[in-house]
Amino acid sequence: MPIRRLTDTLYIAPQLTEADAQEAARLGIQSVICNRPDGEEDGQPSYAQVQRWLIDAGIGETVHQPINAAPAISAADVNNFQVLLTSSEAPVLAYCRTGTRSSLLWAYHAVQNGTSVDDAVRAAAAAGVDLSAFAERLSRAAQNGL
């Protein structure tokens, strides 16, 4: 999955490579949020390595908000992600191993603030991320919070 637009101000991607850092700069990305913990998978570049690639590409605003697994996303994680989104220069690129965790962080906040679950799942699908397995949890979050 390449870097894909989720909203007007948020892009989503799987694990970034050096070429992806260059592509992000070409797309005008101003800030990057890494939702992937270091050491999650053998051979994965560290956050520090990706940060160097981004800086070399001209993107200086990066932050590491590691999320261990999609089912473990908490209300605090969602709130922290939203703070990062609103305090970062847009457009923002968020990434993890596949893009699912980053998309879910956005979706939980969206459904708690009036976006329908169907619309959130559709938006993620248009960005190449399948959140249909999380629709029930998103519905509960929309009604009761996380």
N, C-alpha and C. Protein backbone atom coordinates (compact mmCIF):
# COMPACT_ATOMS: atom_id res chain seq x y z
N MET A 1 0.85 -1.18 0.00
CA MET A 1 0.00 0.00 0.00
C MET A 1 0.89 1.23 0.00
N PRO A 2 0.71 2.10 -0.94
CA PRO A 2 1.48 3.34 -0.95
C PRO A 2 0.93 4.33 0.07
N ILE A 3 1.51 5.49 0.12
CA ILE A 3 0.99 6.57 0.95
C ILE A 3 -0.36 6.98 0.36
N ARG A 4 -1.40 6.94 1.20
CA ARG A 4 -2.76 7.23 0.72
C ARG A 4 -3.41 8.30 1.58
N ARG A 5 -4.22 9.14 0.94
CA ARG A 5 -4.94 10.20 1.65
C ARG A 5 -6.16 9.61 2.34
N LEU A 6 -6.27 9.86 3.65
CA LEU A 6 -7.44 9.44 4.43
C LEU A 6 -8.42 10.60 4.56
N THR A 7 -7.91 11.79 4.86
CA THR A 7 -8.73 13.00 4.94
C THR A 7 -7.97 14.12 4.23
N ASP A 8 -8.53 15.31 4.25
CA ASP A 8 -7.84 16.44 3.62
C ASP A 8 -6.50 16.74 4.27
N THR A 9 -6.35 16.38 5.53
CA THR A 9 -5.12 16.72 6.26
C THR A 9 -4.34 15.53 6.78
N LEU A 10 -4.82 14.30 6.51
CA LEU A 10 -4.17 13.11 7.04
C LEU A 10 -3.96 12.05 5.97
N TYR A 11 -2.73 11.62 5.86
CA TYR A 11 -2.35 10.51 4.99
C TYR A 11 -1.99 9.31 5.87
N ILE A 12 -2.13 8.11 5.31
CA ILE A 12 -1.85 6.86 6.02
C ILE A 12 -0.89 6.03 5.17
N ALA A 13 -0.02 5.29 5.85
CA ALA A 13 0.90 4.41 5.12
C ALA A 13 1.32 3.24 6.00
N PRO A 14 1.79 2.17 5.37
CA PRO A 14 2.46 1.11 6.12
C PRO A 14 3.89 1.56 6.42
N GLN A 15 4.68 0.67 6.98
CA GLN A 15 6.07 0.97 7.32
C GLN A 15 6.76 1.76 6.20
N LEU A 16 7.37 2.88 6.58
CA LEU A 16 8.03 3.72 5.58
C LEU A 16 9.42 3.20 5.23
N THR A 17 9.77 3.42 3.98
CA THR A 17 11.11 3.15 3.47
C THR A 17 11.75 4.50 3.15
N GLU A 18 13.01 4.47 2.77
CA GLU A 18 13.68 5.71 2.37
C GLU A 18 12.98 6.33 1.16
N ALA A 19 12.56 5.49 0.21
CA ALA A 19 11.84 5.99 -0.97
C ALA A 19 10.50 6.61 -0.56
N ASP A 20 9.83 6.04 0.44
CA ASP A 20 8.56 6.59 0.92
C ASP A 20 8.77 7.97 1.53
N ALA A 21 9.89 8.17 2.23
CA ALA A 21 10.18 9.48 2.81
C ALA A 21 10.29 10.53 1.71
N GLN A 22 10.93 10.17 0.61
CA GLN A 22 11.03 11.08 -0.53
C GLN A 22 9.65 11.34 -1.14
N GLU A 23 8.84 10.30 -1.25
CA GLU A 23 7.49 10.44 -1.79
C GLU A 23 6.63 11.33 -0.88
N ALA A 24 6.77 11.16 0.43
CA ALA A 24 6.02 11.99 1.37
C ALA A 24 6.36 13.46 1.17
N ALA A 25 7.63 13.75 1.01
CA ALA A 25 8.05 15.14 0.77
C ALA A 25 7.46 15.65 -0.54
N ARG A 26 7.47 14.82 -1.58
CA ARG A 26 6.92 15.21 -2.87
C ARG A 26 5.42 15.52 -2.76
N LEU A 27 4.72 14.78 -1.89
CA LEU A 27 3.29 15.00 -1.67
C LEU A 27 3.00 16.24 -0.82
N GLY A 28 4.03 16.84 -0.26
CA GLY A 28 3.84 18.02 0.58
C GLY A 28 3.59 17.72 2.04
N ILE A 29 3.84 16.49 2.46
CA ILE A 29 3.66 16.14 3.87
C ILE A 29 4.56 17.04 4.72
N GLN A 30 4.01 17.57 5.80
CA GLN A 30 4.75 18.47 6.68
C GLN A 30 5.16 17.81 7.99
N SER A 31 4.37 16.82 8.44
CA SER A 31 4.60 16.19 9.74
C SER A 31 4.32 14.70 9.62
N VAL A 32 5.02 13.90 10.44
CA VAL A 32 4.84 12.45 10.42
C VAL A 32 4.68 11.93 11.83
N ILE A 33 3.68 11.06 12.02
CA ILE A 33 3.46 10.36 13.29
C ILE A 33 3.72 8.88 13.05
N CYS A 34 4.64 8.32 13.82
CA CYS A 34 4.93 6.88 13.74
C CYS A 34 4.17 6.17 14.85
N ASN A 35 3.26 5.28 14.48
CA ASN A 35 2.50 4.51 15.46
C ASN A 35 3.03 3.09 15.62
N ARG A 36 4.21 2.84 15.09
CA ARG A 36 4.79 1.50 15.15
C ARG A 36 5.89 1.43 16.20
N PRO A 37 5.81 0.47 17.12
CA PRO A 37 6.88 0.32 18.10
C PRO A 37 8.16 -0.19 17.43
N ASP A 38 9.30 0.28 17.90
CA ASP A 38 10.57 -0.27 17.44
C ASP A 38 10.64 -1.74 17.81
N GLY A 39 11.27 -2.55 16.95
CA GLY A 39 11.48 -3.96 17.24
C GLY A 39 10.26 -4.84 17.09
N GLU A 40 9.21 -4.34 16.48
CA GLU A 40 7.99 -5.13 16.32
C GLU A 40 8.22 -6.33 15.40
N GLU A 41 9.12 -6.18 14.45
CA GLU A 41 9.36 -7.21 13.46
C GLU A 41 10.84 -7.19 13.08
N ASP A 42 11.43 -8.35 12.88
CA ASP A 42 12.83 -8.43 12.46
C ASP A 42 13.02 -7.68 11.15
N GLY A 43 14.10 -6.91 11.08
CA GLY A 43 14.44 -6.20 9.86
C GLY A 43 13.73 -4.88 9.66
N GLN A 44 12.84 -4.53 10.56
CA GLN A 44 12.11 -3.28 10.45
C GLN A 44 13.04 -2.11 10.77
N PRO A 45 13.01 -1.03 9.99
CA PRO A 45 13.83 0.13 10.35
C PRO A 45 13.31 0.76 11.64
N SER A 46 14.21 1.26 12.44
CA SER A 46 13.83 1.91 13.69
C SER A 46 13.18 3.26 13.40
N TYR A 47 12.49 3.78 14.41
CA TYR A 47 11.93 5.12 14.28
C TYR A 47 13.04 6.12 13.99
N ALA A 48 14.18 5.99 14.67
CA ALA A 48 15.30 6.92 14.47
C ALA A 48 15.78 6.89 13.02
N GLN A 49 15.83 5.70 12.42
CA GLN A 49 16.26 5.59 11.02
C GLN A 49 15.26 6.27 10.09
N VAL A 50 13.97 6.01 10.30
CA VAL A 50 12.94 6.63 9.47
C VAL A 50 12.98 8.14 9.66
N GLN A 51 13.17 8.58 10.89
CA GLN A 51 13.26 10.02 11.16
C GLN A 51 14.41 10.64 10.36
N ARG A 52 15.56 9.98 10.30
CA ARG A 52 16.69 10.49 9.50
C ARG A 52 16.31 10.59 8.02
N TRP A 53 15.63 9.56 7.50
CA TRP A 53 15.20 9.61 6.10
C TRP A 53 14.26 10.79 5.86
N LEU A 54 13.34 11.01 6.80
CA LEU A 54 12.38 12.11 6.65
C LEU A 54 13.09 13.46 6.71
N ILE A 55 14.01 13.61 7.64
CA ILE A 55 14.76 14.86 7.73
C ILE A 55 15.55 15.09 6.45
N ASP A 56 16.21 14.05 5.96
CA ASP A 56 16.96 14.17 4.70
C ASP A 56 16.06 14.56 3.53
N ALA A 57 14.79 14.15 3.60
CA ALA A 57 13.82 14.48 2.55
C ALA A 57 13.21 15.87 2.74
N GLY A 58 13.50 16.51 3.88
CA GLY A 58 12.98 17.84 4.13
C GLY A 58 11.78 17.90 5.05
N ILE A 59 11.45 16.79 5.69
CA ILE A 59 10.33 16.76 6.65
C ILE A 59 10.93 16.68 8.04
N GLY A 60 10.87 17.78 8.78
CA GLY A 60 11.54 17.84 10.07
C GLY A 60 10.67 17.56 11.27
N GLU A 61 9.35 17.61 11.11
CA GLU A 61 8.46 17.40 12.25
C GLU A 61 8.02 15.94 12.28
N THR A 62 8.56 15.18 13.24
CA THR A 62 8.20 13.78 13.40
C THR A 62 7.97 13.49 14.88
N VAL A 63 7.10 12.54 15.14
CA VAL A 63 6.84 12.14 16.53
C VAL A 63 6.58 10.64 16.56
N HIS A 64 6.98 10.02 17.66
CA HIS A 64 6.80 8.58 17.83
C HIS A 64 5.72 8.35 18.87
N GLN A 65 4.59 7.79 18.46
CA GLN A 65 3.51 7.40 19.35
C GLN A 65 3.26 5.91 19.13
N PRO A 66 4.11 5.05 19.69
CA PRO A 66 3.97 3.61 19.42
C PRO A 66 2.70 3.03 20.02
N ILE A 67 2.00 2.23 19.21
CA ILE A 67 0.79 1.51 19.62
C ILE A 67 1.09 0.04 19.39
N ASN A 68 0.99 -0.78 20.44
CA ASN A 68 1.40 -2.18 20.33
C ASN A 68 0.51 -3.04 19.45
N ALA A 69 -0.80 -2.86 19.50
CA ALA A 69 -1.70 -3.67 18.68
C ALA A 69 -3.03 -2.95 18.55
N ALA A 70 -3.68 -3.13 17.40
CA ALA A 70 -4.95 -2.46 17.15
C ALA A 70 -6.00 -2.74 18.23
N PRO A 71 -6.18 -4.00 18.68
CA PRO A 71 -7.19 -4.24 19.71
C PRO A 71 -6.88 -3.57 21.05
N ALA A 72 -5.63 -3.18 21.25
CA ALA A 72 -5.24 -2.58 22.53
C ALA A 72 -5.34 -1.06 22.54
N ILE A 73 -5.83 -0.46 21.47
CA ILE A 73 -5.94 1.00 21.42
C ILE A 73 -6.87 1.48 22.53
N SER A 74 -6.40 2.46 23.29
CA SER A 74 -7.16 2.99 24.43
C SER A 74 -7.67 4.40 24.11
N ALA A 75 -8.56 4.88 24.98
CA ALA A 75 -9.06 6.25 24.84
C ALA A 75 -7.90 7.24 24.92
N ALA A 76 -6.94 6.99 25.79
CA ALA A 76 -5.77 7.88 25.90
C ALA A 76 -4.98 7.89 24.60
N ASP A 77 -4.83 6.74 23.96
CA ASP A 77 -4.13 6.68 22.68
C ASP A 77 -4.84 7.55 21.63
N VAL A 78 -6.16 7.43 21.58
CA VAL A 78 -6.95 8.20 20.61
C VAL A 78 -6.81 9.69 20.90
N ASN A 79 -6.93 10.06 22.17
CA ASN A 79 -6.80 11.47 22.54
C ASN A 79 -5.42 12.01 22.21
N ASN A 80 -4.38 11.24 22.52
CA ASN A 80 -3.02 11.67 22.23
C ASN A 80 -2.80 11.84 20.73
N PHE A 81 -3.33 10.90 19.94
CA PHE A 81 -3.21 10.99 18.49
C PHE A 81 -3.89 12.26 17.98
N GLN A 82 -5.07 12.55 18.51
CA GLN A 82 -5.80 13.74 18.08
C GLN A 82 -5.04 15.01 18.44
N VAL A 83 -4.44 15.05 19.62
CA VAL A 83 -3.62 16.20 20.01
C VAL A 83 -2.45 16.36 19.04
N LEU A 84 -1.80 15.24 18.72
CA LEU A 84 -0.69 15.30 17.76
C LEU A 84 -1.16 15.81 16.41
N LEU A 85 -2.31 15.33 15.94
CA LEU A 85 -2.83 15.78 14.65
C LEU A 85 -3.11 17.28 14.64
N THR A 86 -3.74 17.76 15.69
CA THR A 86 -4.14 19.17 15.71
C THR A 86 -2.97 20.10 16.00
N SER A 87 -1.91 19.59 16.61
CA SER A 87 -0.76 20.44 16.92
C SER A 87 0.35 20.34 15.88
N SER A 88 0.21 19.44 14.93
CA SER A 88 1.23 19.25 13.90
C SER A 88 0.85 20.03 12.64
N GLU A 89 1.87 20.48 11.93
CA GLU A 89 1.62 21.16 10.67
C GLU A 89 1.08 20.15 9.65
N ALA A 90 -0.01 20.53 9.00
CA ALA A 90 -0.65 19.63 8.03
C ALA A 90 -0.10 19.90 6.63
N PRO A 91 -0.22 18.91 5.77
CA PRO A 91 -0.76 17.58 6.00
C PRO A 91 0.18 16.70 6.81
N VAL A 92 -0.45 15.75 7.52
CA VAL A 92 0.26 14.82 8.40
C VAL A 92 0.20 13.43 7.77
N LEU A 93 1.28 12.70 7.91
CA LEU A 93 1.33 11.29 7.52
C LEU A 93 1.47 10.46 8.78
N ALA A 94 0.57 9.50 8.99
CA ALA A 94 0.68 8.57 10.11
C ALA A 94 0.93 7.18 9.54
N TYR A 95 1.85 6.44 10.18
CA TYR A 95 2.13 5.10 9.68
C TYR A 95 2.36 4.12 10.81
N CYS A 96 2.16 2.84 10.48
CA CYS A 96 2.45 1.72 11.37
C CYS A 96 2.86 0.56 10.46
N ARG A 97 2.69 -0.66 10.87
CA ARG A 97 3.12 -1.78 10.01
C ARG A 97 2.30 -1.86 8.73
N THR A 98 0.96 -1.76 8.85
CA THR A 98 0.09 -1.89 7.68
C THR A 98 -0.76 -0.66 7.41
N GLY A 99 -0.84 0.26 8.35
CA GLY A 99 -1.72 1.42 8.25
C GLY A 99 -2.98 1.27 9.07
N THR A 100 -3.23 0.07 9.60
CA THR A 100 -4.48 -0.18 10.34
C THR A 100 -4.52 0.58 11.65
N ARG A 101 -3.48 0.49 12.47
CA ARG A 101 -3.50 1.18 13.77
C ARG A 101 -3.66 2.68 13.59
N SER A 102 -2.92 3.25 12.65
CA SER A 102 -3.02 4.69 12.41
C SER A 102 -4.43 5.07 11.96
N SER A 103 -5.02 4.26 11.08
CA SER A 103 -6.39 4.52 10.61
C SER A 103 -7.40 4.39 11.74
N LEU A 104 -7.22 3.38 12.59
CA LEU A 104 -8.13 3.19 13.72
C LEU A 104 -8.07 4.35 14.71
N LEU A 105 -6.89 4.87 14.96
CA LEU A 105 -6.77 6.02 15.85
C LEU A 105 -7.62 7.18 15.33
N TRP A 106 -7.56 7.41 14.03
CA TRP A 106 -8.39 8.45 13.42
C TRP A 106 -9.87 8.07 13.51
N ALA A 107 -10.21 6.82 13.17
CA ALA A 107 -11.61 6.39 13.11
C ALA A 107 -12.30 6.47 14.46
N TYR A 108 -11.61 6.06 15.53
CA TYR A 108 -12.22 6.13 16.86
C TYR A 108 -12.59 7.57 17.19
N HIS A 109 -11.69 8.49 16.93
CA HIS A 109 -12.00 9.89 17.21
C HIS A 109 -13.14 10.37 16.31
N ALA A 110 -13.10 10.01 15.05
CA ALA A 110 -14.13 10.46 14.10
C ALA A 110 -15.52 10.00 14.52
N VAL A 111 -15.68 8.72 14.88
CA VAL A 111 -17.01 8.22 15.23
C VAL A 111 -17.49 8.78 16.56
N GLN A 112 -16.58 9.15 17.43
CA GLN A 112 -16.98 9.76 18.70
C GLN A 112 -17.35 11.23 18.52
N ASN A 113 -17.11 11.74 17.32
CA ASN A 113 -17.41 13.15 17.04
C ASN A 113 -18.33 13.32 15.85
N GLY A 114 -19.22 12.33 15.63
CA GLY A 114 -20.30 12.50 14.69
C GLY A 114 -20.19 11.80 13.34
N THR A 115 -19.02 11.29 12.99
CA THR A 115 -18.90 10.54 11.74
C THR A 115 -19.54 9.18 11.94
N SER A 116 -20.32 8.73 10.98
CA SER A 116 -20.92 7.40 11.12
C SER A 116 -19.84 6.33 10.98
N VAL A 117 -20.09 5.18 11.58
CA VAL A 117 -19.15 4.06 11.48
C VAL A 117 -18.98 3.68 10.02
N ASP A 118 -20.09 3.62 9.27
CA ASP A 118 -20.00 3.26 7.85
C ASP A 118 -19.12 4.24 7.09
N ASP A 119 -19.27 5.54 7.37
CA ASP A 119 -18.45 6.53 6.68
C ASP A 119 -16.98 6.40 7.05
N ALA A 120 -16.70 6.12 8.32
CA ALA A 120 -15.31 5.95 8.76
C ALA A 120 -14.68 4.72 8.10
N VAL A 121 -15.43 3.62 8.07
CA VAL A 121 -14.93 2.39 7.45
C VAL A 121 -14.73 2.60 5.95
N ARG A 122 -15.66 3.33 5.30
CA ARG A 122 -15.53 3.61 3.86
C ARG A 122 -14.32 4.50 3.58
N ALA A 123 -14.11 5.51 4.42
CA ALA A 123 -12.96 6.41 4.21
C ALA A 123 -11.66 5.64 4.32
N ALA A 124 -11.58 4.77 5.31
CA ALA A 124 -10.37 3.96 5.47
C ALA A 124 -10.19 3.03 4.28
N ALA A 125 -11.28 2.42 3.81
CA ALA A 125 -11.20 1.52 2.65
C ALA A 125 -10.70 2.27 1.42
N ALA A 126 -11.17 3.50 1.24
CA ALA A 126 -10.72 4.30 0.11
C ALA A 126 -9.23 4.60 0.19
N ALA A 127 -8.70 4.59 1.42
CA ALA A 127 -7.26 4.80 1.64
C ALA A 127 -6.50 3.47 1.68
N GLY A 128 -7.20 2.38 1.38
CA GLY A 128 -6.54 1.08 1.30
C GLY A 128 -6.45 0.29 2.59
N VAL A 129 -7.23 0.70 3.60
CA VAL A 129 -7.21 0.01 4.90
C VAL A 129 -8.59 -0.55 5.19
N ASP A 130 -8.66 -1.83 5.49
CA ASP A 130 -9.93 -2.50 5.79
C ASP A 130 -10.18 -2.48 7.29
N LEU A 131 -11.12 -1.65 7.73
CA LEU A 131 -11.48 -1.57 9.15
C LEU A 131 -12.78 -2.31 9.44
N SER A 132 -13.30 -3.07 8.49
CA SER A 132 -14.59 -3.72 8.69
C SER A 132 -14.59 -4.66 9.90
N ALA A 133 -13.47 -5.27 10.20
CA ALA A 133 -13.40 -6.17 11.37
C ALA A 133 -13.54 -5.39 12.68
N PHE A 134 -13.37 -4.08 12.63
CA PHE A 134 -13.46 -3.25 13.83
C PHE A 134 -14.77 -2.47 13.91
N ALA A 135 -15.71 -2.73 12.98
CA ALA A 135 -16.95 -1.96 12.93
C ALA A 135 -17.75 -2.05 14.23
N GLU A 136 -17.82 -3.23 14.82
CA GLU A 136 -18.58 -3.37 16.07
C GLU A 136 -17.94 -2.55 17.19
N ARG A 137 -16.63 -2.62 17.30
CA ARG A 137 -15.95 -1.85 18.34
C ARG A 137 -16.06 -0.34 18.07
N LEU A 138 -16.01 0.05 16.81
CA LEU A 138 -16.21 1.45 16.47
C LEU A 138 -17.63 1.90 16.85
N SER A 139 -18.62 1.04 16.62
CA SER A 139 -20.01 1.37 17.01
C SER A 139 -20.13 1.56 18.51
N ARG A 140 -19.50 0.66 19.28
CA ARG A 140 -19.52 0.80 20.74
C ARG A 140 -18.82 2.09 21.16
N ALA A 141 -17.71 2.40 20.52
CA ALA A 141 -16.97 3.62 20.85
C ALA A 141 -17.80 4.86 20.53
N ALA A 142 -18.56 4.80 19.44
CA ALA A 142 -19.40 5.94 19.07
C ALA A 142 -20.48 6.18 20.12
N GLN A 143 -20.99 5.11 20.72
CA GLN A 143 -22.06 5.23 21.70
C GLN A 143 -21.55 5.48 23.12
N ASN A 144 -20.47 4.79 23.49
CA ASN A 144 -20.04 4.80 24.89
C ASN A 144 -18.59 5.23 25.11
N GLY A 145 -17.88 5.55 24.06
CA GLY A 145 -16.45 5.83 24.18
C GLY A 145 -15.68 4.52 24.27
N LEU A 146 -14.39 4.65 24.31
CA LEU A 146 -13.54 3.45 24.40
C LEU A 146 -13.45 2.95 25.82
